[in-house]
PDB file of all heavy atoms in Angstrom:
ATOM      1  N   GLU A   1     128.461 158.925  90.327  1.00  0.00           N
ATOM      2  CA  GLU A   1     127.853 158.594  88.995  1.00  0.00           C
ATOM      3  C   GLU A   1     128.011 159.806  88.010  1.00  0.00           C
ATOM      4  O   GLU A   1     128.234 159.550  86.833  1.00  0.00           O
ATOM      5  CB  GLU A   1     126.319 158.388  89.274  1.00  0.00           C
ATOM      6  CG  GLU A   1     126.075 157.014  90.017  1.00  0.00           C
ATOM      7  CD  GLU A   1     124.631 156.772  90.337  1.00  0.00           C
ATOM      8  OE1 GLU A   1     123.962 157.795  90.629  1.00  0.00           O
ATOM      9  OE2 GLU A   1     124.160 155.666  90.300  1.00  0.00           O
ATOM     10  N   LEU A   2     127.843 161.008  88.519  1.00  0.00           N
ATOM     11  CA  LEU A   2     128.020 162.197  87.602  1.00  0.00           C
ATOM     12  C   LEU A   2     129.409 162.198  87.086  1.00  0.00           C
ATOM     13  O   LEU A   2     129.628 162.491  85.927  1.00  0.00           O
ATOM     14  CB  LEU A   2     127.677 163.471  88.331  1.00  0.00           C
ATOM     15  CG  LEU A   2     126.132 163.728  88.596  1.00  0.00           C
ATOM     16  CD1 LEU A   2     126.008 164.923  89.566  1.00  0.00           C
ATOM     17  CD2 LEU A   2     125.379 163.869  87.315  1.00  0.00           C
ATOM     18  N   ALA A   3     130.413 161.934  87.949  1.00  0.00           N
ATOM     19  CA  ALA A   3     131.821 162.028  87.548  1.00  0.00           C
ATOM     20  C   ALA A   3     132.098 160.924  86.527  1.00  0.00           C
ATOM     21  O   ALA A   3     132.961 161.146  85.657  1.00  0.00           O
ATOM     22  CB  ALA A   3     132.693 161.864  88.753  1.00  0.00           C
ATOM     23  N   ALA A   4     131.395 159.792  86.616  1.00  0.00           N
ATOM     24  CA  ALA A   4     131.557 158.735  85.615  1.00  0.00           C
ATOM     25  C   ALA A   4     130.751 158.957  84.332  1.00  0.00           C
ATOM     26  O   ALA A   4     130.818 158.179  83.447  1.00  0.00           O
ATOM     27  CB  ALA A   4     131.124 157.421  86.287  1.00  0.00           C
ATOM     28  N   GLY A   5     130.068 160.119  84.250  1.00  0.00           N
ATOM     29  CA  GLY A   5     129.370 160.445  83.045  1.00  0.00           C
ATOM     30  C   GLY A   5     127.941 159.917  82.938  1.00  0.00           C
ATOM     31  O   GLY A   5     127.326 159.979  81.912  1.00  0.00           O
ATOM     32  N   ALA A   6     127.384 159.449  84.058  1.00  0.00           N
ATOM     33  CA  ALA A   6     126.007 158.995  84.105  1.00  0.00           C
ATOM     34  C   ALA A   6     125.056 160.120  83.869  1.00  0.00           C
ATOM     35  O   ALA A   6     125.295 161.230  84.358  1.00  0.00           O
ATOM     36  CB  ALA A   6     125.742 158.245  85.418  1.00  0.00           C
ATOM     37  N   PRO A   7     123.948 159.864  83.219  1.00  0.00           N
ATOM     38  CA  PRO A   7     122.941 161.011  83.042  1.00  0.00           C
ATOM     39  C   PRO A   7     122.318 161.300  84.384  1.00  0.00           C
ATOM     40  O   PRO A   7     122.185 160.455  85.282  1.00  0.00           O
ATOM     41  CB  PRO A   7     121.911 160.451  82.069  1.00  0.00           C
ATOM     42  CG  PRO A   7     122.095 158.902  82.234  1.00  0.00           C
ATOM     43  CD  PRO A   7     123.532 158.665  82.511  1.00  0.00           C
ATOM     44  N   LEU A   8     121.820 162.513  84.505  1.00  0.00           N
ATOM     45  CA  LEU A   8     121.086 162.909  85.712  1.00  0.00           C
ATOM     46  C   LEU A   8     119.745 162.257  85.742  1.00  0.00           C
ATOM     47  O   LEU A   8     118.990 162.243  84.818  1.00  0.00           O
ATOM     48  CB  LEU A   8     120.912 164.485  85.680  1.00  0.00           C
ATOM     49  CG  LEU A   8     120.293 165.145  86.893  1.00  0.00           C
ATOM     50  CD1 LEU A   8     121.335 165.016  88.081  1.00  0.00           C
ATOM     51  CD2 LEU A   8     119.966 166.572  86.622  1.00  0.00           C
ATOM     52  N   ARG A   9     119.513 161.616  86.878  1.00  0.00           N
ATOM     53  CA  ARG A   9     118.199 160.962  87.003  1.00  0.00           C
ATOM     54  C   ARG A   9     117.129 162.078  87.269  1.00  0.00           C
ATOM     55  O   ARG A   9     117.250 162.955  88.051  1.00  0.00           O
ATOM     56  CB  ARG A   9     118.192 160.088  88.308  1.00  0.00           C
ATOM     57  CG  ARG A   9     119.003 158.782  88.063  1.00  0.00           C
ATOM     58  CD  ARG A   9     118.702 157.732  89.172  1.00  0.00           C
ATOM     59  NE  ARG A   9     119.543 156.540  89.006  1.00  0.00           N
ATOM     60  CZ  ARG A   9     120.641 156.300  89.525  1.00  0.00           C
ATOM     61  NH1 ARG A   9     121.241 157.248  90.280  1.00  0.00           N
ATOM     62  NH2 ARG A   9     121.297 155.176  89.288  1.00  0.00           N
ATOM     63  N   LEU A  10     115.987 161.910  86.536  1.00  0.00           N
ATOM     64  CA  LEU A  10     114.870 162.808  86.682  1.00  0.00           C
ATOM     65  C   LEU A  10     113.742 162.231  87.470  1.00  0.00           C
ATOM     66  O   LEU A  10     113.556 160.953  87.445  1.00  0.00           O
ATOM     67  CB  LEU A  10     114.378 163.294  85.325  1.00  0.00           C
ATOM     68  CG  LEU A  10     115.460 163.986  84.403  1.00  0.00           C
ATOM     69  CD1 LEU A  10     114.864 164.242  83.101  1.00  0.00           C
ATOM     70  CD2 LEU A  10     115.928 165.286  85.078  1.00  0.00           C
ATOM     71  N   PRO A  11     112.972 163.020  88.198  1.00  0.00           N
ATOM     72  CA  PRO A  11     111.786 162.399  88.966  1.00  0.00           C
ATOM     73  C   PRO A  11     110.858 161.823  87.925  1.00  0.00           C
ATOM     74  O   PRO A  11     110.649 162.133  86.769  1.00  0.00           O
ATOM     75  CB  PRO A  11     111.178 163.607  89.566  1.00  0.00           C
ATOM     76  CG  PRO A  11     112.193 164.699  89.601  1.00  0.00           C
ATOM     77  CD  PRO A  11     113.047 164.416  88.353  1.00  0.00           C
ATOM     78  N   GLU A  12     110.186 160.707  88.455  1.00  0.00           N
ATOM     79  CA  GLU A  12     109.166 160.104  87.573  1.00  0.00           C
ATOM     80  C   GLU A  12     107.995 161.124  87.367  1.00  0.00           C
ATOM     81  O   GLU A  12     107.678 161.924  88.255  1.00  0.00           O
ATOM     82  CB  GLU A  12     108.542 158.838  88.344  1.00  0.00           C
ATOM     83  CG  GLU A  12     109.583 157.663  88.508  1.00  0.00           C
ATOM     84  CD  GLU A  12     109.849 156.987  87.174  1.00  0.00           C
ATOM     85  OE1 GLU A  12     108.912 157.065  86.310  1.00  0.00           O
ATOM     86  OE2 GLU A  12     110.962 156.546  86.958  1.00  0.00           O
ATOM     87  N   PRO A  13     107.400 161.111  86.196  1.00  0.00           N
ATOM     88  CA  PRO A  13     106.277 161.971  85.943  1.00  0.00           C
ATOM     89  C   PRO A  13     105.179 161.656  86.961  1.00  0.00           C
ATOM     90  O   PRO A  13     104.886 160.559  87.317  1.00  0.00           O
ATOM     91  CB  PRO A  13     105.882 161.729  84.550  1.00  0.00           C
ATOM     92  CG  PRO A  13     106.453 160.348  84.201  1.00  0.00           C
ATOM     93  CD  PRO A  13     107.671 160.218  85.079  1.00  0.00           C
ATOM     94  N   VAL A  14     104.552 162.746  87.440  1.00  0.00           N
ATOM     95  CA  VAL A  14     103.514 162.625  88.456  1.00  0.00           C
ATOM     96  C   VAL A  14     102.167 162.102  87.692  1.00  0.00           C
ATOM     97  O   VAL A  14     101.764 162.628  86.682  1.00  0.00           O
ATOM     98  CB  VAL A  14     103.143 163.984  89.057  1.00  0.00           C
ATOM     99  CG1 VAL A  14     101.951 163.847  90.006  1.00  0.00           C
ATOM    100  CG2 VAL A  14     104.384 164.491  89.809  1.00  0.00           C
ATOM    101  N   ALA A  15     101.566 161.127  88.229  1.00  0.00           N
ATOM    102  CA  ALA A  15     100.441 160.501  87.619  1.00  0.00           C
ATOM    103  C   ALA A  15      99.190 161.366  87.783  1.00  0.00           C
ATOM    104  O   ALA A  15      99.212 162.152  88.705  1.00  0.00           O
ATOM    105  CB  ALA A  15     100.187 159.108  88.239  1.00  0.00           C
ATOM    106  N   ASP A  16      98.230 161.268  86.892  1.00  0.00           N
ATOM    107  CA  ASP A  16      97.101 162.065  87.018  1.00  0.00           C
ATOM    108  C   ASP A  16      96.397 161.788  88.321  1.00  0.00           C
ATOM    109  O   ASP A  16      96.272 160.612  88.760  1.00  0.00           O
ATOM    110  CB  ASP A  16      96.131 161.723  85.852  1.00  0.00           C
ATOM    111  CG  ASP A  16      96.602 162.182  84.506  1.00  0.00           C
ATOM    112  OD1 ASP A  16      97.445 163.116  84.454  1.00  0.00           O
ATOM    113  OD2 ASP A  16      96.188 161.682  83.455  1.00  0.00           O
ATOM    114  N   PRO A  17      95.955 162.797  89.033  1.00  0.00           N
ATOM    115  CA  PRO A  17      95.175 162.547  90.277  1.00  0.00           C
ATOM    116  C   PRO A  17      93.922 161.660  89.967  1.00  0.00           C
ATOM    117  O   PRO A  17      93.306 161.890  88.963  1.00  0.00           O
ATOM    118  CB  PRO A  17      94.748 163.969  90.743  1.00  0.00           C
ATOM    119  CG  PRO A  17      95.735 164.924  90.049  1.00  0.00           C
ATOM    120  CD  PRO A  17      96.081 164.196  88.717  1.00  0.00           C
ATOM    121  N   MET A  18      93.660 160.736  90.917  1.00  0.00           N
ATOM    122  CA  MET A  18      92.448 159.898  90.710  1.00  0.00           C
ATOM    123  C   MET A  18      91.412 160.215  91.694  1.00  0.00           C
ATOM    124  O   MET A  18      91.693 160.671  92.816  1.00  0.00           O
ATOM    125  CB  MET A  18      93.006 158.436  90.864  1.00  0.00           C
ATOM    126  CG  MET A  18      94.122 158.034  90.035  1.00  0.00           C
ATOM    127  SD  MET A  18      93.793 158.044  88.269  1.00  0.00           S
ATOM    128  CE  MET A  18      92.728 156.622  88.107  1.00  0.00           C
ATOM    129  N   VAL A  19      90.194 159.921  91.337  1.00  0.00           N
ATOM    130  CA  VAL A  19      89.056 160.096  92.272  1.00  0.00           C
ATOM    131  C   VAL A  19      88.114 158.942  92.151  1.00  0.00           C
ATOM    132  O   VAL A  19      88.137 158.121  91.160  1.00  0.00           O
ATOM    133  CB  VAL A  19      88.223 161.423  91.885  1.00  0.00           C
ATOM    134  CG1 VAL A  19      89.068 162.631  92.026  1.00  0.00           C
ATOM    135  CG2 VAL A  19      87.680 161.335  90.499  1.00  0.00           C
ATOM    136  N   LYS A  20      87.397 158.686  93.251  1.00  0.00           N
ATOM    137  CA  LYS A  20      86.445 157.538  93.221  1.00  0.00           C
ATOM    138  C   LYS A  20      85.056 158.169  93.000  1.00  0.00           C
ATOM    139  O   LYS A  20      84.690 159.158  93.686  1.00  0.00           O
ATOM    140  CB  LYS A  20      86.553 156.785  94.553  1.00  0.00           C
ATOM    141  CG  LYS A  20      85.648 155.660  94.738  1.00  0.00           C
ATOM    142  CD  LYS A  20      86.063 154.693  95.909  1.00  0.00           C
ATOM    143  CE  LYS A  20      86.004 155.459  97.155  1.00  0.00           C
ATOM    144  NZ  LYS A  20      86.344 154.485  98.281  1.00  0.00           N
ATOM    145  N   LEU A  21      84.279 157.558  92.186  1.00  0.00           N
ATOM    146  CA  LEU A  21      82.880 157.957  91.940  1.00  0.00           C
ATOM    147  C   LEU A  21      81.942 157.108  92.649  1.00  0.00           C
ATOM    148  O   LEU A  21      82.332 155.967  93.161  1.00  0.00           O
ATOM    149  CB  LEU A  21      82.587 157.822  90.411  1.00  0.00           C
ATOM    150  CG  LEU A  21      83.548 158.572  89.436  1.00  0.00           C
ATOM    151  CD1 LEU A  21      83.212 158.261  87.990  1.00  0.00           C
ATOM    152  CD2 LEU A  21      83.605 160.059  89.704  1.00  0.00           C
ATOM    153  N   SER A  22      80.732 157.557  92.776  1.00  0.00           N
ATOM    154  CA  SER A  22      79.680 156.792  93.411  1.00  0.00           C
ATOM    155  C   SER A  22      78.865 155.957  92.363  1.00  0.00           C
ATOM    156  O   SER A  22      78.252 156.515  91.510  1.00  0.00           O
ATOM    157  CB  SER A  22      78.697 157.787  94.096  1.00  0.00           C
ATOM    158  OG  SER A  22      77.517 157.006  94.471  1.00  0.00           O
ATOM    159  N   ALA A  23      79.060 154.649  92.437  1.00  0.00           N
ATOM    160  CA  ALA A  23      78.346 153.767  91.435  1.00  0.00           C
ATOM    161  C   ALA A  23      76.853 153.896  91.626  1.00  0.00           C
ATOM    162  O   ALA A  23      76.091 153.889  90.673  1.00  0.00           O
ATOM    163  CB  ALA A  23      78.782 152.330  91.622  1.00  0.00           C
ATOM    164  N   ALA A  24      76.378 154.060  92.873  1.00  0.00           N
ATOM    165  CA  ALA A  24      74.905 154.225  93.147  1.00  0.00           C
ATOM    166  C   ALA A  24      74.426 155.416  92.445  1.00  0.00           C
ATOM    167  O   ALA A  24      73.304 155.447  91.797  1.00  0.00           O
ATOM    168  CB  ALA A  24      74.657 154.221  94.646  1.00  0.00           C
ATOM    169  N   TRP A  25      75.132 156.567  92.562  1.00  0.00           N
ATOM    170  CA  TRP A  25      74.688 157.773  91.871  1.00  0.00           C
ATOM    171  C   TRP A  25      74.655 157.569  90.305  1.00  0.00           C
ATOM    172  O   TRP A  25      73.671 158.045  89.672  1.00  0.00           O
ATOM    173  CB  TRP A  25      75.647 158.976  92.270  1.00  0.00           C
ATOM    174  CG  TRP A  25      75.163 160.275  91.772  1.00  0.00           C
ATOM    175  CD1 TRP A  25      74.501 161.251  92.473  1.00  0.00           C
ATOM    176  CD2 TRP A  25      75.402 160.779  90.432  1.00  0.00           C
ATOM    177  NE1 TRP A  25      74.232 162.281  91.698  1.00  0.00           N
ATOM    178  CE2 TRP A  25      74.746 162.137  90.449  1.00  0.00           C
ATOM    179  CE3 TRP A  25      75.983 160.441  89.326  1.00  0.00           C
ATOM    180  CZ2 TRP A  25      74.747 162.931  89.350  1.00  0.00           C
ATOM    181  CZ3 TRP A  25      76.019 161.261  88.191  1.00  0.00           C
ATOM    182  CH2 TRP A  25      75.402 162.520  88.130  1.00  0.00           C
TER     183      TRP A  25
END
């Protein structure tokens, strides 16, 4: 792919870390 002129694939951006909250609190 590089020899054919394809652009370099970049990693997907890392998503924001997620957390679970306590609805009861």
